[in-house]
Protein backbone atom coordinates (compact mmCIF):
# COMPACT_ATOMS: atom_id res chain seq x y z
CA UNK A 1 -9.68 -20.20 28.00
CA UNK A 2 -9.00 -20.82 24.35
CA UNK A 3 -10.79 -23.58 22.42
CA UNK A 4 -8.12 -26.37 21.90
CA UNK A 5 -9.43 -26.71 18.36
CA UNK A 6 -8.85 -23.37 17.42
CA UNK A 7 -5.50 -22.33 15.99
CA UNK A 8 -4.09 -19.09 16.26
CA UNK A 9 -1.48 -17.78 13.80
CA UNK A 10 1.73 -16.70 15.40
CA UNK A 11 1.60 -13.32 13.48
CA UNK A 12 -1.10 -11.07 12.58
CA UNK A 13 -1.78 -8.32 10.09
CA UNK A 14 0.10 -5.19 10.50
CA UNK A 15 0.65 -2.72 7.74
CA UNK A 16 2.48 -2.01 4.32
CA UNK A 17 5.42 0.37 4.26
CA UNK A 18 5.81 2.46 1.21
CA UNK A 19 8.91 4.56 0.93
CA UNK A 20 8.15 7.87 -0.88
CA UNK A 21 10.17 10.76 -2.28
CA UNK A 22 7.54 13.47 -1.29
CA UNK A 23 5.37 12.89 1.71
CA UNK A 24 2.67 15.54 0.88
CA UNK A 25 2.40 14.39 -2.71
CA UNK A 26 1.89 10.73 -1.84
CA UNK A 27 -0.65 11.43 0.86
CA UNK A 28 -2.73 13.44 -1.80
CA UNK A 29 -2.46 10.27 -4.25
CA UNK A 30 -3.35 7.97 -1.52
CA UNK A 31 -6.46 10.21 -0.40
CA UNK A 32 -7.67 9.71 -4.08
CA UNK A 33 -7.78 5.93 -3.60
CA UNK A 34 -9.87 6.62 -0.38
CA UNK A 35 -7.19 6.44 2.34
CA UNK A 36 -6.93 9.23 5.01
CA UNK A 37 -4.25 10.06 7.50
CA UNK A 38 -4.80 7.78 10.46
CA UNK A 39 -1.60 9.19 12.57
CA UNK A 40 0.66 11.98 11.39
CA UNK A 41 3.69 9.97 12.55
CA UNK A 42 4.95 6.40 12.90
CA UNK A 43 5.84 6.76 16.61
CA UNK A 44 7.83 3.48 17.10
CA UNK A 45 10.29 4.93 14.65
CA UNK A 46 10.28 8.31 16.12
CA UNK A 47 9.12 10.06 12.91
CA UNK A 48 6.38 12.56 12.25
CA UNK A 49 4.90 14.07 9.31
CA UNK A 50 6.44 17.33 10.29
CA UNK A 51 9.95 18.24 10.04
CA UNK A 52 12.56 15.75 8.63
CA UNK A 53 14.56 14.35 11.73
CA UNK A 54 17.52 11.99 12.04
CA UNK A 55 16.64 8.35 12.47
CA UNK A 56 17.80 6.82 15.61
CA UNK A 57 20.74 4.20 15.51
CA UNK A 58 18.54 1.43 16.40
CA UNK A 59 15.86 2.31 13.77
CA UNK A 60 18.69 2.57 10.94
CA UNK A 61 20.00 -0.78 12.03
CA UNK A 62 16.55 -2.48 12.15
CA UNK A 63 15.58 -1.11 8.80
CA UNK A 64 18.96 -1.42 7.10
CA UNK A 65 19.25 2.30 6.12
CA UNK A 66 22.61 4.23 6.55
CA UNK A 67 23.05 5.88 9.87
CA UNK A 68 22.95 9.27 8.24
CA UNK A 69 19.36 8.66 7.13
CA UNK A 70 16.74 11.32 8.15
CA UNK A 71 13.18 11.15 7.58
CA UNK A 72 9.42 11.87 8.28
CA UNK A 73 6.34 9.78 7.94
CA UNK A 74 2.66 9.24 8.42
CA UNK A 75 0.23 6.17 8.80
CA UNK A 76 -2.83 6.25 6.60
CA UNK A 77 -5.76 3.95 6.46
CA UNK A 78 -8.60 2.84 4.34
CA UNK A 79 -12.03 3.30 5.92
CA UNK A 80 -11.78 2.69 9.72
CA UNK A 81 -9.45 -0.30 9.47
CA UNK A 82 -7.04 -2.21 7.25
CA UNK A 83 -5.06 -1.91 5.22
CA UNK A 84 -2.82 0.57 6.91
CA UNK A 85 -0.07 2.23 4.89
CA UNK A 86 3.12 3.68 6.53
CA UNK A 87 4.27 6.21 4.08
CA UNK A 88 7.83 7.04 4.82
CA UNK A 89 10.04 9.77 3.20
CA UNK A 90 13.72 9.19 3.72
CA UNK A 91 16.49 11.67 2.81
CA UNK A 92 20.18 11.33 2.51
CA UNK A 93 19.56 7.73 0.89
CA UNK A 94 19.84 6.77 -2.74
CA UNK A 95 16.76 4.59 -3.60
CA UNK A 96 16.55 1.96 -6.12
CA UNK A 97 14.08 1.87 -8.75
CA UNK A 98 10.62 0.40 -7.64
CA UNK A 99 9.81 -3.18 -8.63
CA UNK A 100 7.62 -3.90 -11.65
CA UNK A 101 5.29 -6.63 -12.11
CA UNK A 102 7.95 -9.10 -13.68
CA UNK A 103 10.26 -8.77 -10.62
CA UNK A 104 10.42 -11.08 -7.56
CA UNK A 105 9.40 -9.67 -4.25
CA UNK A 106 6.39 -7.51 -3.33
CA UNK A 107 5.54 -5.81 -6.38
CA UNK A 108 2.06 -4.33 -5.97
CA UNK A 109 -0.79 -4.10 -3.35
CA UNK A 110 -4.33 -4.72 -4.18
CA UNK A 111 -7.47 -2.78 -3.27
CA UNK A 112 -11.23 -4.00 -4.07
CA UNK A 113 -13.82 -2.15 -5.65
CA UNK A 114 -17.46 -2.83 -6.23
CA UNK A 115 -17.57 -0.82 -9.48
CA UNK A 116 -14.11 -1.06 -10.93
CA UNK A 117 -15.11 0.95 -14.20
CA UNK A 118 -16.55 3.67 -12.35
CA UNK A 119 -13.41 3.78 -9.86
CA UNK A 120 -11.05 3.81 -12.82
CA UNK A 121 -12.96 6.67 -14.54
CA UNK A 122 -12.95 8.65 -11.19
CA UNK A 123 -9.23 8.06 -10.87
CA UNK A 124 -8.30 8.96 -14.36
CA UNK A 125 -10.36 12.27 -13.92
CA UNK A 126 -8.27 12.97 -11.02
CA UNK A 127 -5.01 12.31 -12.88
CA UNK A 128 -4.04 9.04 -11.50
CA UNK A 129 -1.77 7.04 -14.09
CA UNK A 130 -3.23 3.60 -15.14
CA UNK A 131 -1.40 0.99 -16.77
CA UNK A 132 -4.64 -0.14 -18.74
CA UNK A 133 -8.26 0.23 -18.57
CA UNK A 134 -9.87 -2.71 -16.63
CA UNK A 135 -9.33 -6.02 -18.16
CA UNK A 136 -11.33 -9.41 -17.60
CA UNK A 137 -9.47 -11.78 -15.48
CA UNK A 138 -9.11 -15.58 -15.85
CA UNK A 139 -12.68 -17.11 -16.37
CA UNK A 140 -13.99 -13.74 -15.77
CA UNK A 141 -13.63 -14.30 -12.03
CA UNK A 142 -12.84 -10.75 -11.67
CA UNK A 143 -11.66 -7.51 -13.47
CA UNK A 144 -8.31 -5.95 -13.02
CA UNK A 145 -6.49 -2.47 -13.42
CA UNK A 146 -3.35 -1.28 -11.96
CA UNK A 147 -2.44 2.12 -11.16
CA UNK A 148 0.86 3.68 -10.53
CA UNK A 149 1.71 5.96 -7.33
CA UNK A 150 3.87 8.87 -7.81
CA UNK A 151 7.02 6.99 -7.03
CA UNK A 152 6.03 3.90 -8.86
CA UNK A 153 4.40 1.74 -6.42
CA UNK A 154 1.90 -0.46 -8.39
CA UNK A 155 -1.60 -0.80 -6.88
CA UNK A 156 -3.96 -3.36 -8.30
CA UNK A 157 -7.52 -2.45 -8.41
CA UNK A 158 -9.82 -5.56 -8.39
CA UNK A 159 -13.63 -6.29 -8.72
CA UNK A 160 -14.25 -9.81 -7.84
CA UNK A 161 -17.34 -11.93 -8.97
CA UNK A 162 -17.56 -14.28 -6.22
CA UNK A 163 -20.90 -15.99 -7.58
CA UNK A 164 -18.41 -17.29 -10.14
CA UNK A 165 -15.96 -18.78 -7.75
CA UNK A 166 -17.86 -21.85 -6.68
CA UNK A 167 -15.60 -24.48 -8.39
CA UNK A 168 -12.66 -22.93 -6.47
CA UNK A 169 -14.24 -22.55 -3.20
CA UNK A 170 -15.88 -25.95 -2.65
CA UNK A 171 -12.53 -27.61 -2.45
C-alpha cells in the first residue's frame, strides 16, 4: 500500500536520444566521457549496432522520420545507471544543423565532475573539442566547461560546490 502523502510523478527518467552520423565514432567519443555500451541495440525500435536496416512503419511514424529511413543504434550508460544515451545513426535522411546554446529547445546535456580541471585536461589530451577552459559560475557556485561531440551535440561539464549553495537550498 502506498502512503497517501507520497506523490508519484506520472513519468520517470528514461534516456537521452542523440542522432549521430557515424555510430562507431560517436561510441568512441562518449567512451572518452566515461560511457560504455549498455546494449548494442535499441530493441523497441528494431535497431542494432550491426547492419543498417529499414525502420518499421510504426517507428518512422512515431519518430517523424521519412518512411524510407534506415538506421542502426545502441544504448550507452554512465556507470551502472543513468543517464542512458540512445545513439542512433539514421541514413536516407537530411539532418538539420545541431542546436547551439543560444537556440530554443534541448541544446546540451550536463555531466558532473568532482575535478573539472583534471577532466578537461584529460579530454583535451584525448582530442575532445572544448568551447573554453573551465569558467567560474555565478557566485562561484560551480565551474563550467562545454565540449562538443563529433556531430555537434553540446555537453556541459560541471563541478558543483554545494557548500556554497546554502542560501539557494534553504528556501
